[in-house]
N, C-alpha and C. Protein backbone atom coordinates (compact mmCIF):
# COMPACT_ATOMS: atom_id res chain seq x y z
N MET A 1 244.05 -50.54 95.18
CA MET A 1 244.72 -49.28 94.85
C MET A 1 243.79 -48.10 95.12
N ASN A 2 244.41 -46.92 95.40
CA ASN A 2 243.60 -45.74 95.68
C ASN A 2 243.15 -45.07 94.39
N LYS A 3 242.26 -44.09 94.53
CA LYS A 3 241.68 -43.44 93.35
C LYS A 3 242.72 -42.75 92.46
N PRO A 4 243.67 -41.97 93.01
CA PRO A 4 244.66 -41.35 92.12
C PRO A 4 245.46 -42.36 91.30
N THR A 5 245.83 -43.48 91.90
CA THR A 5 246.57 -44.50 91.17
C THR A 5 245.72 -45.12 90.07
N LEU A 6 244.49 -45.43 90.41
CA LEU A 6 243.58 -46.00 89.41
C LEU A 6 243.31 -45.02 88.28
N LEU A 7 243.22 -43.73 88.62
CA LEU A 7 242.97 -42.73 87.59
C LEU A 7 244.16 -42.60 86.66
N ARG A 8 245.37 -42.65 87.20
CA ARG A 8 246.56 -42.59 86.34
C ARG A 8 246.59 -43.77 85.37
N GLU A 9 246.18 -44.92 85.82
CA GLU A 9 246.13 -46.09 84.94
C GLU A 9 245.09 -45.88 83.84
N LEU A 10 243.95 -45.31 84.20
CA LEU A 10 242.91 -45.05 83.22
C LEU A 10 243.38 -44.01 82.21
N GLU A 11 244.07 -42.97 82.69
CA GLU A 11 244.60 -41.92 81.80
C GLU A 11 245.61 -42.49 80.81
N SER A 12 246.47 -43.38 81.28
CA SER A 12 247.49 -43.94 80.40
C SER A 12 246.83 -44.76 79.29
N GLU A 13 245.71 -45.38 79.59
CA GLU A 13 244.96 -46.11 78.57
C GLU A 13 244.25 -45.15 77.63
N LEU A 14 243.71 -44.08 78.19
CA LEU A 14 242.96 -43.11 77.41
C LEU A 14 243.83 -42.41 76.36
N ILE A 15 245.04 -42.02 76.73
CA ILE A 15 245.84 -41.20 75.82
C ILE A 15 246.25 -41.94 74.55
N SER A 16 246.13 -43.25 74.55
CA SER A 16 246.45 -44.02 73.35
C SER A 16 245.20 -44.45 72.58
N CYS A 17 244.04 -43.92 72.99
CA CYS A 17 242.78 -44.33 72.37
C CYS A 17 242.70 -43.86 70.92
N LYS A 18 242.34 -44.78 70.05
CA LYS A 18 242.11 -44.46 68.63
C LYS A 18 240.87 -45.21 68.16
N LYS A 19 239.84 -45.21 68.98
CA LYS A 19 238.67 -46.05 68.73
C LYS A 19 237.57 -45.36 67.93
N CYS A 20 237.75 -44.07 67.60
CA CYS A 20 236.74 -43.42 66.76
C CYS A 20 237.42 -42.42 65.83
N HIS A 21 236.64 -41.84 64.94
CA HIS A 21 237.20 -40.94 63.92
C HIS A 21 237.73 -39.63 64.48
N LEU A 22 237.32 -39.24 65.68
CA LEU A 22 237.76 -37.96 66.23
C LEU A 22 239.27 -37.93 66.47
N CYS A 23 239.85 -39.07 66.75
CA CYS A 23 241.30 -39.10 66.99
C CYS A 23 242.08 -38.86 65.70
N GLN A 24 241.40 -38.95 64.55
CA GLN A 24 242.06 -38.75 63.27
C GLN A 24 242.02 -37.29 62.82
N ASN A 25 241.33 -36.45 63.58
CA ASN A 25 241.25 -35.04 63.24
C ASN A 25 242.57 -34.34 63.54
N ASP A 26 242.62 -33.07 63.21
CA ASP A 26 243.83 -32.29 63.42
C ASP A 26 243.91 -31.84 64.88
N ASN A 27 244.18 -32.80 65.77
CA ASN A 27 244.30 -32.48 67.18
C ASN A 27 245.52 -33.19 67.77
N HIS A 28 245.73 -32.98 69.05
CA HIS A 28 246.93 -33.52 69.70
C HIS A 28 246.64 -34.77 70.52
N GLY A 29 245.49 -35.36 70.32
CA GLY A 29 245.15 -36.58 71.03
C GLY A 29 244.13 -36.36 72.12
N PRO A 30 243.71 -37.42 72.78
CA PRO A 30 242.68 -37.32 73.81
C PRO A 30 243.11 -36.43 74.98
N THR A 31 242.14 -35.74 75.55
CA THR A 31 242.36 -34.99 76.79
C THR A 31 241.80 -35.81 77.94
N SER A 32 242.30 -35.56 79.14
CA SER A 32 241.87 -36.38 80.27
C SER A 32 241.01 -35.58 81.25
N CYS A 33 241.54 -35.27 82.40
CA CYS A 33 240.77 -34.62 83.46
C CYS A 33 241.69 -33.70 84.25
N ASN A 34 241.13 -32.95 85.16
CA ASN A 34 241.95 -32.24 86.14
C ASN A 34 241.21 -32.14 87.46
N GLY A 35 241.93 -31.68 88.49
CA GLY A 35 241.35 -31.68 89.82
C GLY A 35 241.71 -32.95 90.57
N THR A 36 240.85 -33.35 91.49
CA THR A 36 241.12 -34.52 92.31
C THR A 36 240.00 -35.56 92.22
N PRO A 37 240.35 -36.83 92.01
CA PRO A 37 239.33 -37.88 91.99
C PRO A 37 238.75 -38.17 93.37
N GLU A 38 239.34 -37.57 94.40
CA GLU A 38 238.83 -37.75 95.75
C GLU A 38 237.64 -36.84 96.04
N SER A 39 237.34 -35.93 95.13
CA SER A 39 236.28 -34.95 95.37
C SER A 39 234.89 -35.57 95.23
N PRO A 40 233.95 -35.15 96.08
CA PRO A 40 232.58 -35.59 95.92
C PRO A 40 231.79 -34.76 94.91
N LEU A 41 232.44 -33.75 94.30
CA LEU A 41 231.79 -32.88 93.34
C LEU A 41 232.50 -32.96 91.99
N ALA A 42 231.76 -33.36 90.96
CA ALA A 42 232.34 -33.51 89.63
C ALA A 42 231.64 -32.58 88.64
N PHE A 43 232.44 -31.97 87.76
CA PHE A 43 231.92 -31.15 86.68
C PHE A 43 232.19 -31.87 85.37
N VAL A 44 231.15 -32.01 84.55
CA VAL A 44 231.27 -32.68 83.26
C VAL A 44 230.95 -31.69 82.15
N GLY A 45 231.95 -31.38 81.33
CA GLY A 45 231.77 -30.46 80.22
C GLY A 45 231.48 -31.20 78.93
N GLU A 46 231.64 -30.49 77.80
CA GLU A 46 231.29 -31.07 76.50
C GLU A 46 232.49 -31.73 75.84
N GLY A 47 233.46 -30.92 75.42
CA GLY A 47 234.64 -31.44 74.75
C GLY A 47 235.72 -30.38 74.71
N PRO A 48 236.94 -30.75 74.36
CA PRO A 48 238.05 -29.80 74.39
C PRO A 48 238.00 -28.78 73.27
N GLY A 49 238.43 -27.56 73.58
CA GLY A 49 238.67 -26.54 72.57
C GLY A 49 240.14 -26.53 72.19
N ARG A 50 240.59 -25.47 71.53
CA ARG A 50 241.98 -25.42 71.05
C ARG A 50 242.98 -25.48 72.20
N VAL A 51 242.78 -24.66 73.23
CA VAL A 51 243.73 -24.63 74.34
C VAL A 51 243.73 -25.95 75.09
N GLU A 52 242.54 -26.50 75.32
CA GLU A 52 242.44 -27.78 76.01
C GLU A 52 243.12 -28.89 75.22
N ASP A 53 242.99 -28.83 73.91
CA ASP A 53 243.63 -29.81 73.05
C ASP A 53 245.15 -29.74 73.19
N GLU A 54 245.68 -28.54 73.31
CA GLU A 54 247.13 -28.37 73.46
C GLU A 54 247.62 -28.84 74.83
N TYR A 55 246.86 -28.53 75.87
CA TYR A 55 247.30 -28.84 77.23
C TYR A 55 246.91 -30.25 77.69
N GLY A 56 245.93 -30.85 77.03
CA GLY A 56 245.54 -32.21 77.37
C GLY A 56 244.60 -32.35 78.54
N VAL A 57 244.01 -31.25 78.99
CA VAL A 57 243.07 -31.29 80.11
C VAL A 57 241.86 -30.41 79.80
N PRO A 58 240.72 -30.65 80.43
CA PRO A 58 239.50 -29.91 80.11
C PRO A 58 239.42 -28.54 80.79
N LEU A 59 238.72 -27.62 80.11
CA LEU A 59 238.35 -26.33 80.68
C LEU A 59 239.53 -25.60 81.32
N ILE A 60 240.49 -25.30 80.46
CA ILE A 60 241.69 -24.61 80.92
C ILE A 60 241.93 -23.31 80.16
N GLY A 61 241.26 -23.15 79.01
CA GLY A 61 241.38 -21.94 78.20
C GLY A 61 240.44 -20.85 78.66
N PRO A 62 239.99 -19.97 77.77
CA PRO A 62 239.09 -18.87 78.15
C PRO A 62 237.82 -19.35 78.85
N SER A 63 237.24 -20.44 78.38
CA SER A 63 236.04 -20.97 79.03
C SER A 63 236.34 -21.43 80.45
N GLY A 64 237.46 -22.12 80.61
CA GLY A 64 237.84 -22.59 81.93
C GLY A 64 238.17 -21.46 82.89
N GLN A 65 238.78 -20.41 82.37
CA GLN A 65 239.10 -19.26 83.22
C GLN A 65 237.83 -18.54 83.68
N LEU A 66 236.82 -18.50 82.81
CA LEU A 66 235.54 -17.94 83.22
C LEU A 66 234.87 -18.83 84.26
N LEU A 67 234.97 -20.14 84.07
CA LEU A 67 234.44 -21.07 85.05
C LEU A 67 235.12 -20.89 86.40
N ASP A 68 236.43 -20.70 86.39
CA ASP A 68 237.16 -20.49 87.64
C ASP A 68 236.62 -19.29 88.40
N LYS A 69 236.33 -18.21 87.69
CA LYS A 69 235.79 -17.01 88.34
C LYS A 69 234.41 -17.29 88.93
N ALA A 70 233.59 -18.01 88.18
CA ALA A 70 232.26 -18.34 88.67
C ALA A 70 232.34 -19.23 89.91
N LEU A 71 233.26 -20.18 89.89
CA LEU A 71 233.42 -21.08 91.04
C LEU A 71 233.93 -20.33 92.26
N TRP A 72 234.85 -19.40 92.05
CA TRP A 72 235.38 -18.62 93.16
C TRP A 72 234.26 -17.85 93.86
N SER A 73 233.27 -17.40 93.10
CA SER A 73 232.17 -16.62 93.68
C SER A 73 231.28 -17.47 94.58
N VAL A 74 231.34 -18.81 94.44
CA VAL A 74 230.56 -19.69 95.32
C VAL A 74 231.49 -20.52 96.21
N ASN A 75 232.73 -20.03 96.38
CA ASN A 75 233.70 -20.63 97.31
C ASN A 75 234.13 -22.04 96.89
N VAL A 76 234.48 -22.16 95.61
CA VAL A 76 234.99 -23.42 95.08
C VAL A 76 236.23 -23.14 94.24
N THR A 77 237.25 -23.97 94.35
CA THR A 77 238.41 -23.88 93.47
C THR A 77 238.61 -25.22 92.77
N ARG A 78 239.21 -25.16 91.58
CA ARG A 78 239.27 -26.32 90.72
C ARG A 78 240.11 -27.47 91.28
N ASP A 79 241.05 -27.17 92.16
CA ASP A 79 241.87 -28.23 92.72
C ASP A 79 241.09 -29.12 93.69
N ASN A 80 239.93 -28.66 94.13
CA ASN A 80 239.14 -29.42 95.10
C ASN A 80 237.91 -30.07 94.48
N ILE A 81 237.80 -30.03 93.16
CA ILE A 81 236.72 -30.72 92.46
C ILE A 81 237.33 -31.59 91.36
N TYR A 82 236.49 -32.35 90.70
CA TYR A 82 236.94 -33.18 89.58
C TYR A 82 236.29 -32.65 88.32
N THR A 83 237.09 -32.40 87.28
CA THR A 83 236.57 -31.84 86.03
C THR A 83 236.94 -32.75 84.86
N THR A 84 235.96 -33.04 84.03
CA THR A 84 236.20 -33.89 82.87
C THR A 84 235.23 -33.49 81.75
N ASN A 85 235.28 -34.20 80.62
CA ASN A 85 234.42 -33.92 79.48
C ASN A 85 233.74 -35.19 79.00
N VAL A 86 232.63 -35.02 78.30
CA VAL A 86 231.97 -36.14 77.64
C VAL A 86 232.84 -36.64 76.48
N ILE A 87 233.31 -35.70 75.67
CA ILE A 87 234.15 -36.00 74.50
C ILE A 87 235.61 -35.73 74.85
N LYS A 88 236.49 -36.65 74.52
CA LYS A 88 237.89 -36.52 74.90
C LYS A 88 238.77 -35.90 73.81
N CYS A 89 238.35 -35.97 72.54
CA CYS A 89 239.14 -35.39 71.46
C CYS A 89 238.40 -34.21 70.84
N ARG A 90 239.14 -33.22 70.38
CA ARG A 90 238.54 -32.02 69.82
C ARG A 90 237.96 -32.29 68.43
N PRO A 91 236.67 -32.06 68.23
CA PRO A 91 236.09 -32.22 66.89
C PRO A 91 236.69 -31.21 65.91
N GLN A 92 236.78 -31.58 64.67
CA GLN A 92 237.36 -30.71 63.65
C GLN A 92 236.60 -29.40 63.56
N HIS A 93 237.35 -28.30 63.39
CA HIS A 93 236.80 -26.95 63.31
C HIS A 93 236.07 -26.53 64.59
N ASN A 94 236.35 -27.24 65.69
CA ASN A 94 235.80 -26.91 67.00
C ASN A 94 234.27 -26.96 67.02
N ARG A 95 233.69 -27.81 66.19
CA ARG A 95 232.23 -27.91 66.15
C ARG A 95 231.71 -28.61 67.40
N THR A 96 230.41 -28.48 67.63
CA THR A 96 229.77 -29.17 68.75
C THR A 96 229.72 -30.67 68.46
N PRO A 97 230.10 -31.50 69.41
CA PRO A 97 230.04 -32.95 69.18
C PRO A 97 228.60 -33.40 68.92
N THR A 98 228.44 -34.40 68.10
CA THR A 98 227.11 -34.96 67.85
C THR A 98 226.69 -35.84 69.01
N LEU A 99 225.40 -36.15 69.04
CA LEU A 99 224.87 -37.03 70.08
C LEU A 99 225.53 -38.40 70.01
N GLU A 100 225.72 -38.90 68.80
CA GLU A 100 226.33 -40.22 68.63
C GLU A 100 227.78 -40.23 69.09
N GLU A 101 228.52 -39.16 68.79
CA GLU A 101 229.92 -39.06 69.24
C GLU A 101 229.99 -39.03 70.76
N GLY A 102 229.08 -38.28 71.36
CA GLY A 102 229.06 -38.21 72.82
C GLY A 102 228.76 -39.54 73.46
N GLN A 103 227.78 -40.25 72.91
CA GLN A 103 227.42 -41.56 73.45
C GLN A 103 228.59 -42.55 73.34
N PHE A 104 229.23 -42.57 72.16
CA PHE A 104 230.31 -43.53 71.94
C PHE A 104 231.49 -43.27 72.88
N CYS A 105 231.93 -42.02 72.94
CA CYS A 105 233.11 -41.70 73.75
C CYS A 105 232.83 -41.85 75.24
N ALA A 106 231.69 -41.35 75.68
CA ALA A 106 231.38 -41.40 77.11
C ALA A 106 231.16 -42.83 77.59
N ASN A 107 230.61 -43.68 76.73
CA ASN A 107 230.46 -45.09 77.11
C ASN A 107 231.82 -45.74 77.37
N LEU A 108 232.82 -45.29 76.63
CA LEU A 108 234.17 -45.85 76.79
C LEU A 108 234.89 -45.29 78.00
N TRP A 109 234.76 -43.97 78.23
CA TRP A 109 235.63 -43.31 79.20
C TRP A 109 234.91 -42.64 80.36
N LEU A 110 233.93 -41.81 80.10
CA LEU A 110 233.26 -41.10 81.19
C LEU A 110 232.61 -42.05 82.18
N ASP A 111 231.98 -43.09 81.67
CA ASP A 111 231.34 -44.05 82.57
C ASP A 111 232.37 -44.67 83.52
N ARG A 112 233.55 -44.95 83.01
CA ARG A 112 234.59 -45.54 83.86
C ARG A 112 235.13 -44.52 84.86
N GLU A 113 235.22 -43.26 84.42
CA GLU A 113 235.64 -42.21 85.34
C GLU A 113 234.67 -42.08 86.52
N MET A 114 233.40 -42.02 86.20
CA MET A 114 232.40 -41.84 87.25
C MET A 114 232.35 -43.04 88.19
N ALA A 115 232.57 -44.24 87.65
CA ALA A 115 232.62 -45.44 88.49
C ALA A 115 233.82 -45.41 89.43
N LEU A 116 234.90 -44.78 88.98
CA LEU A 116 236.10 -44.67 89.79
C LEU A 116 235.98 -43.56 90.82
N VAL A 117 235.57 -42.37 90.38
CA VAL A 117 235.51 -41.20 91.26
C VAL A 117 234.36 -41.32 92.26
N LYS A 118 233.22 -41.79 91.79
CA LYS A 118 232.02 -41.92 92.62
C LYS A 118 231.64 -40.59 93.30
N PRO A 119 231.44 -39.52 92.51
CA PRO A 119 231.07 -38.24 93.13
C PRO A 119 229.68 -38.33 93.75
N LYS A 120 229.40 -37.41 94.65
CA LYS A 120 228.07 -37.34 95.27
C LYS A 120 227.15 -36.42 94.50
N VAL A 121 227.74 -35.45 93.77
CA VAL A 121 226.98 -34.47 93.00
C VAL A 121 227.71 -34.21 91.69
N ILE A 122 226.95 -34.08 90.59
CA ILE A 122 227.52 -33.77 89.28
C ILE A 122 226.91 -32.48 88.77
N VAL A 123 227.76 -31.62 88.18
CA VAL A 123 227.28 -30.45 87.46
C VAL A 123 227.54 -30.68 85.98
N ALA A 124 226.48 -30.66 85.19
CA ALA A 124 226.60 -30.83 83.73
C ALA A 124 226.72 -29.47 83.07
N LEU A 125 227.80 -29.25 82.36
CA LEU A 125 228.05 -27.97 81.70
C LEU A 125 227.69 -28.07 80.23
N GLY A 126 226.59 -27.48 79.84
CA GLY A 126 226.22 -27.43 78.43
C GLY A 126 225.34 -28.58 77.97
N SER A 127 224.90 -28.47 76.72
CA SER A 127 223.90 -29.39 76.18
C SER A 127 224.42 -30.81 75.96
N VAL A 128 225.67 -30.95 75.53
CA VAL A 128 226.20 -32.29 75.28
C VAL A 128 226.23 -33.11 76.57
N ALA A 129 226.69 -32.51 77.65
CA ALA A 129 226.72 -33.19 78.95
C ALA A 129 225.30 -33.47 79.44
N LEU A 130 224.42 -32.51 79.27
CA LEU A 130 223.02 -32.69 79.69
C LEU A 130 222.38 -33.86 78.96
N LYS A 131 222.57 -33.92 77.64
CA LYS A 131 221.94 -34.97 76.84
C LYS A 131 222.47 -36.36 77.21
N TYR A 132 223.76 -36.44 77.55
CA TYR A 132 224.30 -37.75 77.91
C TYR A 132 223.90 -38.15 79.33
N LEU A 133 223.97 -37.22 80.25
CA LEU A 133 223.72 -37.54 81.65
C LEU A 133 222.23 -37.60 81.99
N TYR A 134 221.40 -36.90 81.21
CA TYR A 134 219.98 -36.82 81.53
C TYR A 134 219.15 -37.58 80.50
N ARG A 135 218.89 -36.95 79.36
CA ARG A 135 218.12 -37.61 78.31
C ARG A 135 218.46 -36.94 76.98
N THR A 136 218.31 -37.70 75.90
CA THR A 136 218.76 -37.22 74.61
C THR A 136 217.98 -36.02 74.09
N ASP A 137 216.76 -35.82 74.57
CA ASP A 137 215.99 -34.66 74.14
C ASP A 137 216.08 -33.50 75.12
N GLY A 138 217.04 -33.58 76.05
CA GLY A 138 217.22 -32.49 77.01
C GLY A 138 217.66 -31.20 76.32
N ARG A 139 217.20 -30.09 76.85
CA ARG A 139 217.57 -28.77 76.30
C ARG A 139 218.10 -27.90 77.43
N ILE A 140 219.28 -27.38 77.24
CA ILE A 140 219.93 -26.63 78.31
C ILE A 140 219.14 -25.36 78.65
N THR A 141 218.49 -24.75 77.66
CA THR A 141 217.72 -23.55 77.92
C THR A 141 216.47 -23.84 78.75
N LYS A 142 216.00 -25.07 78.70
CA LYS A 142 214.80 -25.45 79.44
C LYS A 142 215.11 -26.20 80.73
N ASP A 143 216.15 -27.03 80.70
CA ASP A 143 216.41 -27.94 81.81
C ASP A 143 217.48 -27.46 82.79
N ARG A 144 218.18 -26.37 82.46
CA ARG A 144 219.21 -25.91 83.40
C ARG A 144 218.54 -25.47 84.71
N GLY A 145 219.29 -25.66 85.78
CA GLY A 145 218.80 -25.24 87.08
C GLY A 145 217.87 -26.22 87.76
N THR A 146 217.58 -27.35 87.13
CA THR A 146 216.72 -28.36 87.74
C THR A 146 217.52 -29.63 88.01
N TRP A 147 217.17 -30.31 89.08
CA TRP A 147 217.89 -31.52 89.46
C TRP A 147 217.34 -32.73 88.73
N PHE A 148 218.21 -33.65 88.39
CA PHE A 148 217.80 -34.90 87.77
C PHE A 148 218.74 -36.01 88.23
N ASP A 149 218.29 -37.24 88.12
CA ASP A 149 219.11 -38.40 88.46
C ASP A 149 219.83 -38.89 87.21
N THR A 150 221.11 -39.11 87.31
CA THR A 150 221.90 -39.60 86.19
C THR A 150 221.83 -41.12 86.11
N LYS A 151 222.38 -41.66 85.04
CA LYS A 151 222.45 -43.11 84.86
C LYS A 151 223.29 -43.77 85.94
N TYR A 152 224.10 -42.98 86.63
CA TYR A 152 224.98 -43.51 87.67
C TYR A 152 224.29 -43.53 89.04
N GLY A 153 223.05 -43.04 89.10
CA GLY A 153 222.37 -42.93 90.39
C GLY A 153 222.88 -41.75 91.20
N ILE A 154 223.50 -40.79 90.54
CA ILE A 154 224.07 -39.61 91.19
C ILE A 154 223.24 -38.39 90.81
N PRO A 155 222.81 -37.56 91.78
CA PRO A 155 222.05 -36.36 91.44
C PRO A 155 222.91 -35.36 90.68
N ALA A 156 222.29 -34.69 89.70
CA ALA A 156 223.02 -33.73 88.88
C ALA A 156 222.16 -32.51 88.60
N ILE A 157 222.83 -31.41 88.33
CA ILE A 157 222.18 -30.18 87.91
C ILE A 157 222.93 -29.65 86.70
N ALA A 158 222.20 -29.14 85.74
CA ALA A 158 222.83 -28.62 84.53
C ALA A 158 222.86 -27.10 84.55
N THR A 159 223.88 -26.55 83.93
CA THR A 159 223.96 -25.11 83.76
C THR A 159 224.64 -24.81 82.44
N TYR A 160 224.67 -23.53 82.08
CA TYR A 160 225.28 -23.16 80.81
C TYR A 160 226.78 -23.45 80.80
N HIS A 161 227.26 -23.87 79.66
CA HIS A 161 228.70 -24.03 79.49
C HIS A 161 229.32 -22.64 79.41
N PRO A 162 230.48 -22.42 80.03
CA PRO A 162 231.09 -21.07 79.98
C PRO A 162 231.38 -20.59 78.56
N ALA A 163 231.60 -21.51 77.61
CA ALA A 163 231.82 -21.09 76.22
C ALA A 163 230.58 -20.38 75.67
N TYR A 164 229.41 -20.80 76.12
CA TYR A 164 228.17 -20.14 75.71
C TYR A 164 228.12 -18.72 76.25
N LEU A 165 228.53 -18.54 77.49
CA LEU A 165 228.53 -17.21 78.10
C LEU A 165 229.45 -16.25 77.34
N LEU A 166 230.57 -16.78 76.85
CA LEU A 166 231.53 -15.94 76.14
C LEU A 166 230.97 -15.40 74.82
N ARG A 167 229.93 -16.03 74.33
CA ARG A 167 229.32 -15.58 73.07
C ARG A 167 228.20 -14.56 73.28
N LEU A 168 227.80 -14.33 74.52
CA LEU A 168 226.68 -13.44 74.81
C LEU A 168 227.15 -12.01 75.04
N THR A 169 226.21 -11.08 74.92
CA THR A 169 226.49 -9.66 75.18
C THR A 169 225.27 -9.03 75.86
N GLY A 170 225.46 -7.81 76.35
CA GLY A 170 224.35 -7.01 76.87
C GLY A 170 223.60 -7.67 78.01
N LYS A 171 222.27 -7.52 77.98
CA LYS A 171 221.43 -8.05 79.05
C LYS A 171 221.46 -9.57 79.11
N GLU A 172 221.68 -10.20 77.94
CA GLU A 172 221.71 -11.66 77.91
C GLU A 172 222.84 -12.22 78.77
N ILE A 173 224.01 -11.63 78.69
CA ILE A 173 225.14 -12.13 79.46
C ILE A 173 224.94 -11.90 80.95
N VAL A 174 224.33 -10.78 81.31
CA VAL A 174 224.07 -10.50 82.73
C VAL A 174 223.13 -11.56 83.30
N GLN A 175 222.03 -11.81 82.61
CA GLN A 175 221.06 -12.79 83.09
C GLN A 175 221.66 -14.20 83.14
N ALA A 176 222.40 -14.56 82.10
CA ALA A 176 222.98 -15.90 82.04
C ALA A 176 223.99 -16.11 83.17
N LYS A 177 224.79 -15.10 83.46
CA LYS A 177 225.78 -15.24 84.54
C LYS A 177 225.10 -15.42 85.89
N TRP A 178 224.00 -14.70 86.11
CA TRP A 178 223.25 -14.89 87.35
C TRP A 178 222.66 -16.29 87.42
N ASN A 179 222.17 -16.80 86.30
CA ASN A 179 221.64 -18.16 86.27
C ASN A 179 222.71 -19.17 86.66
N VAL A 180 223.90 -19.01 86.08
CA VAL A 180 225.00 -19.91 86.41
C VAL A 180 225.36 -19.80 87.89
N TYR A 181 225.40 -18.59 88.40
CA TYR A 181 225.72 -18.39 89.82
C TYR A 181 224.75 -19.16 90.71
N TYR A 182 223.45 -19.03 90.43
CA TYR A 182 222.46 -19.71 91.27
C TYR A 182 222.51 -21.23 91.08
N ASP A 183 222.82 -21.69 89.87
CA ASP A 183 222.97 -23.12 89.65
C ASP A 183 224.14 -23.69 90.45
N LEU A 184 225.26 -22.96 90.44
CA LEU A 184 226.43 -23.41 91.18
C LEU A 184 226.18 -23.36 92.69
N LYS A 185 225.47 -22.33 93.13
CA LYS A 185 225.12 -22.24 94.56
C LYS A 185 224.27 -23.45 94.96
N ALA A 186 223.34 -23.84 94.09
CA ALA A 186 222.49 -25.00 94.37
C ALA A 186 223.32 -26.28 94.46
N ALA A 187 224.30 -26.41 93.56
CA ALA A 187 225.15 -27.60 93.58
C ALA A 187 225.97 -27.67 94.86
N VAL A 188 226.51 -26.54 95.28
CA VAL A 188 227.29 -26.50 96.52
C VAL A 188 226.41 -26.82 97.72
N ALA A 189 225.20 -26.26 97.75
CA ALA A 189 224.29 -26.52 98.86
C ALA A 189 223.93 -28.01 98.95
N LYS A 190 223.67 -28.62 97.80
CA LYS A 190 223.37 -30.05 97.77
C LYS A 190 224.55 -30.87 98.27
N LEU A 191 225.75 -30.50 97.84
CA LEU A 191 226.93 -31.22 98.27
C LEU A 191 227.14 -31.10 99.77
N MET A 192 226.91 -29.91 100.32
CA MET A 192 227.09 -29.70 101.75
C MET A 192 226.10 -30.51 102.58
N GLU A 193 224.95 -30.82 101.99
CA GLU A 193 224.01 -31.70 102.67
C GLU A 193 224.58 -33.11 102.77
N LEU A 194 225.28 -33.52 101.71
CA LEU A 194 225.77 -34.89 101.63
C LEU A 194 227.16 -35.06 102.23
N GLU A 195 228.02 -34.03 102.08
CA GLU A 195 229.41 -34.08 102.57
C GLU A 195 229.73 -32.76 103.28
N PRO A 196 229.15 -32.52 104.45
CA PRO A 196 229.29 -31.21 105.10
C PRO A 196 230.71 -30.86 105.51
N LEU A 197 231.59 -31.82 105.62
CA LEU A 197 232.95 -31.54 106.09
C LEU A 197 233.94 -31.36 104.95
N TYR A 198 233.51 -31.54 103.71
CA TYR A 198 234.45 -31.44 102.60
C TYR A 198 234.76 -29.98 102.29
N ASN A 199 236.05 -29.68 102.14
CA ASN A 199 236.50 -28.32 101.84
C ASN A 199 236.58 -28.12 100.33
N LEU A 200 235.75 -27.23 99.79
CA LEU A 200 235.70 -27.00 98.35
C LEU A 200 236.62 -25.90 97.87
N LYS A 201 237.18 -25.10 98.78
CA LYS A 201 237.92 -23.92 98.34
C LYS A 201 239.30 -23.85 98.99
N SER A 202 240.32 -23.67 98.17
CA SER A 202 241.67 -23.38 98.66
C SER A 202 241.82 -21.87 98.83
N GLU A 203 242.83 -21.46 99.57
CA GLU A 203 243.03 -20.03 99.80
C GLU A 203 243.38 -19.30 98.51
N VAL A 204 244.09 -19.98 97.62
CA VAL A 204 244.47 -19.38 96.35
C VAL A 204 244.01 -20.30 95.22
N ALA A 205 243.35 -19.73 94.23
CA ALA A 205 242.91 -20.53 93.09
C ALA A 205 244.11 -21.00 92.29
N PRO A 206 244.15 -22.25 91.85
CA PRO A 206 245.31 -22.76 91.11
C PRO A 206 245.41 -22.15 89.72
N ASP A 207 246.63 -21.96 89.26
CA ASP A 207 246.89 -21.50 87.90
C ASP A 207 247.02 -22.74 87.03
N LEU A 208 245.94 -23.13 86.37
CA LEU A 208 245.94 -24.39 85.63
C LEU A 208 246.85 -24.35 84.41
N LEU A 209 246.97 -23.20 83.78
CA LEU A 209 247.87 -23.10 82.63
C LEU A 209 249.31 -23.38 83.05
N ALA A 210 249.69 -22.85 84.19
CA ALA A 210 251.05 -23.10 84.70
C ALA A 210 251.21 -24.55 85.16
N ALA A 211 250.17 -25.10 85.76
CA ALA A 211 250.25 -26.45 86.29
C ALA A 211 250.45 -27.49 85.20
N TYR A 212 249.90 -27.23 84.00
CA TYR A 212 249.95 -28.23 82.94
C TYR A 212 250.85 -27.82 81.78
N ILE A 213 251.75 -26.86 81.99
CA ILE A 213 252.61 -26.39 80.91
C ILE A 213 253.53 -27.50 80.40
N SER A 214 254.01 -28.35 81.29
CA SER A 214 254.90 -29.43 80.85
C SER A 214 254.15 -30.44 79.99
N ARG A 215 252.88 -30.68 80.32
CA ARG A 215 252.08 -31.59 79.50
C ARG A 215 251.85 -30.98 78.12
N ARG A 216 251.61 -29.68 78.08
CA ARG A 216 251.43 -29.02 76.79
C ARG A 216 252.68 -29.14 75.94
N ASP A 217 253.84 -28.85 76.54
CA ASP A 217 255.09 -28.93 75.80
C ASP A 217 255.34 -30.33 75.26
N GLN A 218 255.00 -31.31 76.06
CA GLN A 218 255.19 -32.70 75.62
C GLN A 218 254.25 -33.03 74.46
N ARG A 219 253.00 -32.60 74.55
CA ARG A 219 252.04 -32.89 73.49
C ARG A 219 252.41 -32.18 72.19
N LEU A 220 252.79 -30.92 72.31
CA LEU A 220 253.16 -30.17 71.10
C LEU A 220 254.45 -30.71 70.50
N GLY A 221 255.39 -31.09 71.38
CA GLY A 221 256.65 -31.63 70.88
C GLY A 221 256.46 -32.96 70.20
N THR A 222 255.59 -33.79 70.77
CA THR A 222 255.31 -35.10 70.17
C THR A 222 254.65 -34.93 68.81
N ARG A 223 253.76 -33.94 68.70
CA ARG A 223 253.06 -33.73 67.42
C ARG A 223 254.00 -33.26 66.33
N GLN A 224 255.03 -32.49 66.72
CA GLN A 224 255.95 -31.91 65.72
C GLN A 224 256.95 -32.91 65.18
N LYS A 225 257.13 -34.02 65.89
CA LYS A 225 258.13 -35.01 65.46
C LYS A 225 257.65 -35.79 64.23
């Protein structure tokens, strides 16, 4: 079977997951992925926020919209990459997932995603992704912008999660945005070395909120019953 078919099978298994306490929180169930599993470039975030929890896919709310703008500046659109999270269910009160939660969930799902997608380059968004993909004592403020080998044998680079950027102001936000820009440029350059013919950018950036509105309605409707 091809990658999209295999991914749909994995998603159908994922959405019924109740293997840890996070599924018992006040959320709408596990979130999956978006983009294409055929892409050689994968982005791994931390976990779903409120909007992502409603829509069932990662990085689709304010953080995702900021990511879309950053990607557009380096000639990438979300439909031509693969986006997922370490944690599939939203932690209560939108707190940062613990190291143990990240390890447990990613061992179940992210590892299988990466084995299926087999990207050539990974971008780790934020500290939770960095700690799982790199090392448990990794620090995003220290390790962002540097290349490392993941447990999958795939080169990766870490950068700030867009949710972090949304909390900054003044000179801090200007500097952080430039850091993210250069990190993304480095990821694209590395990918072009490995897959020079792959097209990372569509003419029009996809409207992810519109694309997944039916999934949101289904999730919200199921929760209300």
